[in-house]
Amino acid sequence: MAEGAQPGLREVVLVAAAAVAVILGAAIATGFLPEAVQRLIFHAPLTIIVLLAGTAFVLWRVARRRPPEA
């Protein structure tokens, strides 16, 4: 993208569709797991740990980004 350009509707819809597809795929894949593993995923703090790690990674990447040189 050009410097300072905003993403358009097409890009936003593509990212949203990809996010929905990933979540739907994970939900379907979880249904094929053994019951003990499903119990671990749904009743343990595994999801919270994954969300915290993902958020920390994104914030780390944003914090390391250098401002554009003028």
C-alpha atoms as a PDB file:
ATOM      1  CA  MET A   1       0.000   0.000   0.000  1.00  0.00           C
ATOM      2  CA  ALA A   2       1.060   3.550  -0.538  1.00  0.00           C
ATOM      3  CA  GLU A   3       2.359   5.429   2.450  1.00  0.00           C
ATOM      4  CA  GLY A   4      -0.529   6.771   4.518  1.00  0.00           C
ATOM      5  CA  ALA A   5      -3.172   4.931   2.495  1.00  0.00           C
ATOM      6  CA  GLN A   6      -6.191   3.536   4.317  1.00  0.00           C
ATOM      7  CA  PRO A   7      -7.404   0.004   3.631  1.00  0.00           C
ATOM      8  CA  GLY A   8     -10.539  -0.092   1.531  1.00  0.00           C
ATOM      9  CA  LEU A   9     -13.748  -2.000   1.985  1.00  0.00           C
ATOM     10  CA  ARG A  10     -12.390  -4.935  -0.042  1.00  0.00           C
ATOM     11  CA  GLU A  11      -9.392  -5.409   2.254  1.00  0.00           C
ATOM     12  CA  VAL A  12     -11.523  -5.115   5.392  1.00  0.00           C
ATOM     13  CA  VAL A  13     -14.017  -7.700   4.097  1.00  0.00           C
ATOM     14  CA  LEU A  14     -11.189 -10.079   3.128  1.00  0.00           C
ATOM     15  CA  VAL A  15      -9.590  -9.867   6.587  1.00  0.00           C
ATOM     16  CA  ALA A  16     -12.966 -10.321   8.291  1.00  0.00           C
ATOM     17  CA  ALA A  17     -13.792 -13.333   6.093  1.00  0.00           C
ATOM     18  CA  ALA A  18     -10.396 -14.872   6.850  1.00  0.00           C
ATOM     19  CA  ALA A  19     -10.937 -14.395  10.601  1.00  0.00           C
ATOM     20  CA  VAL A  20     -14.375 -16.011  10.414  1.00  0.00           C
ATOM     21  CA  ALA A  21     -12.983 -18.913   8.359  1.00  0.00           C
ATOM     22  CA  VAL A  22     -10.184 -19.548  10.866  1.00  0.00           C
ATOM     23  CA  ILE A  23     -12.564 -19.500  13.834  1.00  0.00           C
ATOM     24  CA  LEU A  24     -15.103 -21.712  12.065  1.00  0.00           C
ATOM     25  CA  GLY A  25     -12.347 -24.140  11.075  1.00  0.00           C
ATOM     26  CA  ALA A  26     -11.079 -24.284  14.656  1.00  0.00           C
ATOM     27  CA  ALA A  27     -14.604 -24.956  15.941  1.00  0.00           C
ATOM     28  CA  ILE A  28     -15.111 -27.772  13.435  1.00  0.00           C
ATOM     29  CA  ALA A  29     -11.682 -29.265  14.140  1.00  0.00           C
ATOM     30  CA  THR A  30     -12.365 -29.195  17.882  1.00  0.00           C
ATOM     31  CA  GLY A  31     -15.466 -31.319  17.304  1.00  0.00           C
ATOM     32  CA  PHE A  32     -13.285 -34.151  15.969  1.00  0.00           C
ATOM     33  CA  LEU A  33     -11.005 -34.215  19.020  1.00  0.00           C
ATOM     34  CA  PRO A  34     -11.438 -36.818  21.764  1.00  0.00           C
ATOM     35  CA  GLU A  35     -13.742 -35.802  24.611  1.00  0.00           C
ATOM     36  CA  ALA A  36     -10.861 -35.478  27.097  1.00  0.00           C
ATOM     37  CA  VAL A  37      -9.063 -32.987  24.848  1.00  0.00           C
ATOM     38  CA  GLN A  38     -12.290 -31.043  24.266  1.00  0.00           C
ATOM     39  CA  ARG A  39     -12.768 -30.832  28.041  1.00  0.00           C
ATOM     40  CA  LEU A  40      -9.208 -29.489  28.387  1.00  0.00           C
ATOM     41  CA  ILE A  41      -9.803 -26.830  25.736  1.00  0.00           C
ATOM     42  CA  PHE A  42     -13.196 -25.687  27.011  1.00  0.00           C
ATOM     43  CA  HIS A  43     -12.720 -25.969  30.785  1.00  0.00           C
ATOM     44  CA  ALA A  44      -9.062 -25.053  31.263  1.00  0.00           C
ATOM     45  CA  PRO A  45      -7.672 -21.535  30.919  1.00  0.00           C
ATOM     46  CA  LEU A  46      -6.047 -22.567  27.612  1.00  0.00           C
ATOM     47  CA  THR A  47      -8.055 -20.090  25.536  1.00  0.00           C
ATOM     48  CA  ILE A  48      -7.183 -17.240  27.881  1.00  0.00           C
ATOM     49  CA  ILE A  49      -3.485 -18.125  27.684  1.00  0.00           C
ATOM     50  CA  VAL A  50      -3.595 -18.172  23.867  1.00  0.00           C
ATOM     51  CA  LEU A  51      -5.402 -14.809  23.765  1.00  0.00           C
ATOM     52  CA  LEU A  52      -2.926 -13.247  26.205  1.00  0.00           C
ATOM     53  CA  ALA A  53       0.063 -14.543  24.234  1.00  0.00           C
ATOM     54  CA  GLY A  54      -1.406 -13.305  20.947  1.00  0.00           C
ATOM     55  CA  THR A  55      -2.174  -9.879  22.397  1.00  0.00           C
ATOM     56  CA  ALA A  56       1.313  -9.596  23.883  1.00  0.00           C
ATOM     57  CA  PHE A  57       2.844 -10.505  20.504  1.00  0.00           C
ATOM     58  CA  VAL A  58       0.788  -7.892  18.634  1.00  0.00           C
ATOM     59  CA  LEU A  59       1.599  -5.188  21.195  1.00  0.00           C
ATOM     60  CA  TRP A  60       5.293  -6.103  21.048  1.00  0.00           C
ATOM     61  CA  ARG A  61       5.258  -5.800  17.243  1.00  0.00           C
ATOM     62  CA  VAL A  62       3.509  -2.423  17.394  1.00  0.00           C
ATOM     63  CA  ALA A  63       5.906  -1.147  20.043  1.00  0.00           C
ATOM     64  CA  ARG A  64       8.950  -2.142  17.968  1.00  0.00           C
ATOM     65  CA  ARG A  65       7.710  -0.412  14.811  1.00  0.00           C
ATOM     66  CA  ARG A  66       9.765   2.650  13.966  1.00  0.00           C
ATOM     67  CA  PRO A  67       8.032   5.842  12.902  1.00  0.00           C
ATOM     68  CA  PRO A  68       8.472   6.737   9.232  1.00  0.00           C
ATOM     69  CA  GLU A  69      11.383   9.020   8.501  1.00  0.00           C
ATOM     70  CA  ALA A  70      10.351  12.444   7.270  1.00  0.00           C
END
